[in-house]
Amino acid sequence: MDTDTLSPEERHIIQKLMAWASLVDSQAKFRAKKDEALQAGWNHSGPVRESRALSLVIRSLEKSSWSD
């Protein structure tokens, strides 16, 4: 997946979510962490809007972590 179109804030969120994907034991907990990360933003700078590119990366991460 090409992440060149992601903003620095979005890349930071992806880094957080990659770590959380390995630490939480359910997709529901992962999604809660995603919501928290989007709300807090980068270094607590405020909410980050989930762009289409960010959404695609997150879905890919979810699929690789919790594929049935």
PDB file of N, CA and C in Angstrom:
ATOM      1  N   MET A   1       0.845  -1.179   0.000  1.00  0.00           N
ATOM      2  CA  MET A   1       0.000   0.000   0.000  1.00  0.00           C
ATOM      3  C   MET A   1       0.887   1.238   0.000  1.00  0.00           C
ATOM      4  N   ASP A   2       0.556   2.189  -0.841  1.00  0.00           N
ATOM      5  CA  ASP A   2       1.324   3.421  -0.960  1.00  0.00           C
ATOM      6  C   ASP A   2       0.887   4.400   0.124  1.00  0.00           C
ATOM      7  N   THR A   3       1.808   4.764   0.986  1.00  0.00           N
ATOM      8  CA  THR A   3       1.480   5.684   2.077  1.00  0.00           C
ATOM      9  C   THR A   3       2.034   7.083   1.826  1.00  0.00           C
ATOM     10  N   ASP A   4       2.525   7.332   0.609  1.00  0.00           N
ATOM     11  CA  ASP A   4       3.083   8.653   0.297  1.00  0.00           C
ATOM     12  C   ASP A   4       2.054   9.766   0.393  1.00  0.00           C
ATOM     13  N   THR A   5       0.791   9.442   0.221  1.00  0.00           N
ATOM     14  CA  THR A   5      -0.245  10.472   0.264  1.00  0.00           C
ATOM     15  C   THR A   5      -0.708  10.794   1.684  1.00  0.00           C
ATOM     16  N   LEU A   6      -0.238  10.037   2.664  1.00  0.00           N
ATOM     17  CA  LEU A   6      -0.639  10.285   4.048  1.00  0.00           C
ATOM     18  C   LEU A   6       0.119  11.471   4.623  1.00  0.00           C
ATOM     19  N   SER A   7      -0.562  12.232   5.454  1.00  0.00           N
ATOM     20  CA  SER A   7       0.073  13.354   6.150  1.00  0.00           C
ATOM     21  C   SER A   7       0.960  12.804   7.269  1.00  0.00           C
ATOM     22  N   PRO A   8       1.854  13.619   7.796  1.00  0.00           N
ATOM     23  CA  PRO A   8       2.661  13.162   8.943  1.00  0.00           C
ATOM     24  C   PRO A   8       1.786  12.720  10.118  1.00  0.00           C
ATOM     25  N   GLU A   9       0.685  13.416  10.348  1.00  0.00           N
ATOM     26  CA  GLU A   9      -0.226  13.042  11.436  1.00  0.00           C
ATOM     27  C   GLU A   9      -0.825  11.652  11.190  1.00  0.00           C
ATOM     28  N   GLU A  10      -1.207  11.394   9.944  1.00  0.00           N
ATOM     29  CA  GLU A  10      -1.784  10.090   9.611  1.00  0.00           C
ATOM     30  C   GLU A  10      -0.738   8.983   9.750  1.00  0.00           C
ATOM     31  N   ARG A  11       0.485   9.248   9.335  1.00  0.00           N
ATOM     32  CA  ARG A  11       1.551   8.248   9.476  1.00  0.00           C
ATOM     33  C   ARG A  11       1.802   7.930  10.950  1.00  0.00           C
ATOM     34  N   HIS A  12       1.750   8.940  11.777  1.00  0.00           N
ATOM     35  CA  HIS A  12       1.931   8.740  13.214  1.00  0.00           C
ATOM     36  C   HIS A  12       0.828   7.830  13.765  1.00  0.00           C
ATOM     37  N   ILE A  13      -0.390   8.059  13.344  1.00  0.00           N
ATOM     38  CA  ILE A  13      -1.508   7.223  13.783  1.00  0.00           C
ATOM     39  C   ILE A  13      -1.319   5.782  13.322  1.00  0.00           C
ATOM     40  N   ILE A  14      -0.875   5.601  12.082  1.00  0.00           N
ATOM     41  CA  ILE A  14      -0.623   4.248  11.580  1.00  0.00           C
ATOM     42  C   ILE A  14       0.443   3.554  12.423  1.00  0.00           C
ATOM     43  N   GLN A  15       1.493   4.269  12.793  1.00  0.00           N
ATOM     44  CA  GLN A  15       2.525   3.678  13.644  1.00  0.00           C
ATOM     45  C   GLN A  15       1.936   3.223  14.977  1.00  0.00           C
ATOM     46  N   LYS A  16       1.094   4.069  15.569  1.00  0.00           N
ATOM     47  CA  LYS A  16       0.435   3.695  16.827  1.00  0.00           C
ATOM     48  C   LYS A  16      -0.417   2.450  16.634  1.00  0.00           C
ATOM     49  N   LEU A  17      -1.190   2.434  15.546  1.00  0.00           N
ATOM     50  CA  LEU A  17      -2.105   1.323  15.322  1.00  0.00           C
ATOM     51  C   LEU A  17      -1.376   0.020  15.018  1.00  0.00           C
ATOM     52  N   MET A  18      -0.226   0.108  14.373  1.00  0.00           N
ATOM     53  CA  MET A  18       0.557  -1.103  14.124  1.00  0.00           C
ATOM     54  C   MET A  18       0.981  -1.725  15.459  1.00  0.00           C
ATOM     55  N   ALA A  19       1.366  -0.891  16.392  1.00  0.00           N
ATOM     56  CA  ALA A  19       1.726  -1.397  17.718  1.00  0.00           C
ATOM     57  C   ALA A  19       0.505  -1.972  18.427  1.00  0.00           C
ATOM     58  N   TRP A  20      -0.604  -1.236  18.399  1.00  0.00           N
ATOM     59  CA  TRP A  20      -1.811  -1.707  19.080  1.00  0.00           C
ATOM     60  C   TRP A  20      -2.338  -3.000  18.475  1.00  0.00           C
ATOM     61  N   ALA A  21      -2.191  -3.179  17.170  1.00  0.00           N
ATOM     62  CA  ALA A  21      -2.676  -4.407  16.527  1.00  0.00           C
ATOM     63  C   ALA A  21      -1.994  -5.637  17.121  1.00  0.00           C
ATOM     64  N   SER A  22      -0.753  -5.480  17.538  1.00  0.00           N
ATOM     65  CA  SER A  22      -0.049  -6.620  18.128  1.00  0.00           C
ATOM     66  C   SER A  22      -0.325  -6.778  19.622  1.00  0.00           C
ATOM     67  N   LEU A  23      -0.913  -5.767  20.246  1.00  0.00           N
ATOM     68  CA  LEU A  23      -1.134  -5.809  21.697  1.00  0.00           C
ATOM     69  C   LEU A  23      -2.565  -6.133  22.109  1.00  0.00           C
ATOM     70  N   VAL A  24      -3.543  -5.743  21.321  1.00  0.00           N
ATOM     71  CA  VAL A  24      -4.935  -6.005  21.699  1.00  0.00           C
ATOM     72  C   VAL A  24      -5.368  -7.363  21.159  1.00  0.00           C
ATOM     73  N   ASP A  25      -6.375  -7.932  21.804  1.00  0.00           N
ATOM     74  CA  ASP A  25      -6.784  -9.283  21.428  1.00  0.00           C
ATOM     75  C   ASP A  25      -8.096  -9.347  20.649  1.00  0.00           C
ATOM     76  N   SER A  26      -8.593  -8.200  20.229  1.00  0.00           N
ATOM     77  CA  SER A  26      -9.822  -8.235  19.435  1.00  0.00           C
ATOM     78  C   SER A  26      -9.884  -7.036  18.496  1.00  0.00           C
ATOM     79  N   GLN A  27     -10.643  -7.226  17.453  1.00  0.00           N
ATOM     80  CA  GLN A  27     -10.839  -6.154  16.488  1.00  0.00           C
ATOM     81  C   GLN A  27     -11.597  -4.990  17.122  1.00  0.00           C
ATOM     82  N   ALA A  28     -12.507  -5.285  18.027  1.00  0.00           N
ATOM     83  CA  ALA A  28     -13.259  -4.230  18.705  1.00  0.00           C
ATOM     84  C   ALA A  28     -12.332  -3.340  19.535  1.00  0.00           C
ATOM     85  N   LYS A  29     -11.389  -3.939  20.248  1.00  0.00           N
ATOM     86  CA  LYS A  29     -10.436  -3.149  21.029  1.00  0.00           C
ATOM     87  C   LYS A  29      -9.528  -2.332  20.109  1.00  0.00           C
ATOM     88  N   PHE A  30      -9.141  -2.926  18.978  1.00  0.00           N
ATOM     89  CA  PHE A  30      -8.320  -2.208  18.005  1.00  0.00           C
ATOM     90  C   PHE A  30      -9.072  -0.985  17.482  1.00  0.00           C
ATOM     91  N   ARG A  31     -10.339  -1.164  17.160  1.00  0.00           N
ATOM     92  CA  ARG A  31     -11.134  -0.043  16.643  1.00  0.00           C
ATOM     93  C   ARG A  31     -11.308   1.046  17.699  1.00  0.00           C
ATOM     94  N   ALA A  32     -11.417   0.651  18.953  1.00  0.00           N
ATOM     95  CA  ALA A  32     -11.496   1.645  20.027  1.00  0.00           C
ATOM     96  C   ALA A  32     -10.192   2.437  20.096  1.00  0.00           C
ATOM     97  N   LYS A  33      -9.060   1.761  19.960  1.00  0.00           N
ATOM     98  CA  LYS A  33      -7.762   2.444  19.964  1.00  0.00           C
ATOM     99  C   LYS A  33      -7.628   3.350  18.743  1.00  0.00           C
ATOM    100  N   LYS A  34      -8.175   2.918  17.608  1.00  0.00           N
ATOM    101  CA  LYS A  34      -8.163   3.748  16.402  1.00  0.00           C
ATOM    102  C   LYS A  34      -8.940   5.030  16.654  1.00  0.00           C
ATOM    103  N   ASP A  35     -10.106   4.899  17.236  1.00  0.00           N
ATOM    104  CA  ASP A  35     -10.929   6.077  17.533  1.00  0.00           C
ATOM    105  C   ASP A  35     -10.205   7.025  18.493  1.00  0.00           C
ATOM    106  N   GLU A  36      -9.562   6.462  19.511  1.00  0.00           N
ATOM    107  CA  GLU A  36      -8.801   7.277  20.462  1.00  0.00           C
ATOM    108  C   GLU A  36      -7.664   8.024  19.753  1.00  0.00           C
ATOM    109  N   ALA A  37      -6.945   7.308  18.889  1.00  0.00           N
ATOM    110  CA  ALA A  37      -5.815   7.913  18.186  1.00  0.00           C
ATOM    111  C   ALA A  37      -6.281   9.031  17.254  1.00  0.00           C
ATOM    112  N   LEU A  38      -7.379   8.805  16.553  1.00  0.00           N
ATOM    113  CA  LEU A  38      -7.900   9.842  15.652  1.00  0.00           C
ATOM    114  C   LEU A  38      -8.370  11.056  16.444  1.00  0.00           C
ATOM    115  N   GLN A  39      -8.944  10.835  17.600  1.00  0.00           N
ATOM    116  CA  GLN A  39      -9.433  11.938  18.421  1.00  0.00           C
ATOM    117  C   GLN A  39      -8.284  12.743  19.026  1.00  0.00           C
ATOM    118  N   ALA A  40      -7.263  12.042  19.506  1.00  0.00           N
ATOM    119  CA  ALA A  40      -6.123  12.717  20.148  1.00  0.00           C
ATOM    120  C   ALA A  40      -5.230  13.418  19.135  1.00  0.00           C
ATOM    121  N   GLY A  41      -5.094  12.809  17.956  1.00  0.00           N
ATOM    122  CA  GLY A  41      -4.215  13.389  16.945  1.00  0.00           C
ATOM    123  C   GLY A  41      -2.756  13.122  17.243  1.00  0.00           C
ATOM    124  N   TRP A  42      -1.929  13.846  16.569  1.00  0.00           N
ATOM    125  CA  TRP A  42      -0.485  13.676  16.688  1.00  0.00           C
ATOM    126  C   TRP A  42       0.016  14.491  17.865  1.00  0.00           C
ATOM    127  N   ASN A  43       0.573  13.832  18.857  1.00  0.00           N
ATOM    128  CA  ASN A  43       1.093  14.501  20.035  1.00  0.00           C
ATOM    129  C   ASN A  43       0.004  15.356  20.702  1.00  0.00           C
ATOM    130  N   HIS A  44      -1.204  14.801  20.716  1.00  0.00           N
ATOM    131  CA  HIS A  44      -2.380  15.454  21.308  1.00  0.00           C
ATOM    132  C   HIS A  44      -2.657  16.825  20.686  1.00  0.00           C
ATOM    133  N   SER A  45      -2.451  16.915  19.369  1.00  0.00           N
ATOM    134  CA  SER A  45      -2.660  18.179  18.664  1.00  0.00           C
ATOM    135  C   SER A  45      -4.109  18.398  18.258  1.00  0.00           C
ATOM    136  N   GLY A  46      -4.949  17.414  18.488  1.00  0.00           N
ATOM    137  CA  GLY A  46      -6.351  17.544  18.127  1.00  0.00           C
ATOM    138  C   GLY A  46      -6.748  16.505  17.103  1.00  0.00           C
ATOM    139  N   PRO A  47      -8.031  16.392  16.853  1.00  0.00           N
ATOM    140  CA  PRO A  47      -8.549  15.341  15.981  1.00  0.00           C
ATOM    141  C   PRO A  47      -7.940  15.349  14.581  1.00  0.00           C
ATOM    142  N   VAL A  48      -7.791  14.130  14.052  1.00  0.00           N
ATOM    143  CA  VAL A  48      -7.334  13.926  12.683  1.00  0.00           C
ATOM    144  C   VAL A  48      -8.482  13.284  11.926  1.00  0.00           C
ATOM    145  N   ARG A  49      -8.826  13.867  10.814  1.00  0.00           N
ATOM    146  CA  ARG A  49      -9.890  13.316   9.979  1.00  0.00           C
ATOM    147  C   ARG A  49      -9.376  12.080   9.250  1.00  0.00           C
ATOM    148  N   GLU A  50     -10.178  11.038   9.224  1.00  0.00           N
ATOM    149  CA  GLU A  50      -9.795   9.788   8.569  1.00  0.00           C
ATOM    150  C   GLU A  50     -10.005   9.923   7.058  1.00  0.00           C
ATOM    151  N   SER A  51      -8.918  10.170   6.348  1.00  0.00           N
ATOM    152  CA  SER A  51      -8.985  10.301   4.893  1.00  0.00           C
ATOM    153  C   SER A  51      -9.212   8.933   4.264  1.00  0.00           C
ATOM    154  N   ARG A  52      -9.529   8.941   3.001  1.00  0.00           N
ATOM    155  CA  ARG A  52      -9.731   7.677   2.284  1.00  0.00           C
ATOM    156  C   ARG A  52      -8.453   6.839   2.326  1.00  0.00           C
ATOM    157  N   ALA A  53      -7.319   7.476   2.091  1.00  0.00           N
ATOM    158  CA  ALA A  53      -6.044   6.745   2.108  1.00  0.00           C
ATOM    159  C   ALA A  53      -5.793   6.128   3.483  1.00  0.00           C
ATOM    160  N   LEU A  54      -6.029   6.887   4.532  1.00  0.00           N
ATOM    161  CA  LEU A  54      -5.835   6.378   5.888  1.00  0.00           C
ATOM    162  C   LEU A  54      -6.798   5.227   6.169  1.00  0.00           C
ATOM    163  N   SER A  55      -8.016   5.372   5.752  1.00  0.00           N
ATOM    164  CA  SER A  55      -9.011   4.331   5.940  1.00  0.00           C
ATOM    165  C   SER A  55      -8.590   3.026   5.261  1.00  0.00           C
ATOM    166  N   LEU A  56      -8.041   3.123   4.062  1.00  0.00           N
ATOM    167  CA  LEU A  56      -7.587   1.925   3.333  1.00  0.00           C
ATOM    168  C   LEU A  56      -6.435   1.242   4.053  1.00  0.00           C
ATOM    169  N   VAL A  57      -5.509   2.018   4.581  1.00  0.00           N
ATOM    170  CA  VAL A  57      -4.384   1.444   5.318  1.00  0.00           C
ATOM    171  C   VAL A  57      -4.890   0.760   6.590  1.00  0.00           C
ATOM    172  N   ILE A  58      -5.809   1.397   7.286  1.00  0.00           N
ATOM    173  CA  ILE A  58      -6.349   0.822   8.524  1.00  0.00           C
ATOM    174  C   ILE A  58      -7.093  -0.473   8.224  1.00  0.00           C
ATOM    175  N   ARG A  59      -7.896  -0.473   7.171  1.00  0.00           N
ATOM    176  CA  ARG A  59      -8.618  -1.706   6.807  1.00  0.00           C
ATOM    177  C   ARG A  59      -7.655  -2.835   6.473  1.00  0.00           C
ATOM    178  N   SER A  60      -6.587  -2.510   5.769  1.00  0.00           N
ATOM    179  CA  SER A  60      -5.581  -3.515   5.434  1.00  0.00           C
ATOM    180  C   SER A  60      -4.931  -4.071   6.692  1.00  0.00           C
ATOM    181  N   LEU A  61      -4.631  -3.203   7.635  1.00  0.00           N
ATOM    182  CA  LEU A  61      -4.041  -3.623   8.903  1.00  0.00           C
ATOM    183  C   LEU A  61      -5.003  -4.517   9.685  1.00  0.00           C
ATOM    184  N   GLU A  62      -6.274  -4.150   9.714  1.00  0.00           N
ATOM    185  CA  GLU A  62      -7.282  -4.971  10.387  1.00  0.00           C
ATOM    186  C   GLU A  62      -7.378  -6.344   9.731  1.00  0.00           C
ATOM    187  N   LYS A  63      -7.410  -6.344   8.411  1.00  0.00           N
ATOM    188  CA  LYS A  63      -7.560  -7.607   7.682  1.00  0.00           C
ATOM    189  C   LYS A  63      -6.380  -8.535   7.957  1.00  0.00           C
ATOM    190  N   SER A  64      -5.183  -7.984   7.986  1.00  0.00           N
ATOM    191  CA  SER A  64      -4.019  -8.831   8.238  1.00  0.00           C
ATOM    192  C   SER A  64      -3.950  -9.296   9.692  1.00  0.00           C
ATOM    193  N   SER A  65      -4.554  -8.549  10.595  1.00  0.00           N
ATOM    194  CA  SER A  65      -4.507  -8.919  12.020  1.00  0.00           C
ATOM    195  C   SER A  65      -5.659  -9.809  12.448  1.00  0.00           C
ATOM    196  N   TRP A  66      -6.827  -9.651  11.826  1.00  0.00           N
ATOM    197  CA  TRP A  66      -8.013 -10.405  12.252  1.00  0.00           C
ATOM    198  C   TRP A  66      -8.752 -11.013  11.081  1.00  0.00           C
ATOM    199  N   SER A  67      -8.053 -11.668  10.197  1.00  0.00           N
ATOM    200  CA  SER A  67      -8.751 -12.321   9.082  1.00  0.00           C
ATOM    201  C   SER A  67      -9.362 -13.630   9.584  1.00  0.00           C
ATOM    202  N   ASP A  68     -10.563 -13.844   9.146  1.00  0.00           N
ATOM    203  CA  ASP A  68     -11.289 -15.065   9.575  1.00  0.00           C
ATOM    204  C   ASP A  68     -11.049 -16.192   8.622  1.00  0.00           C
TER     205      ASP A  68
END
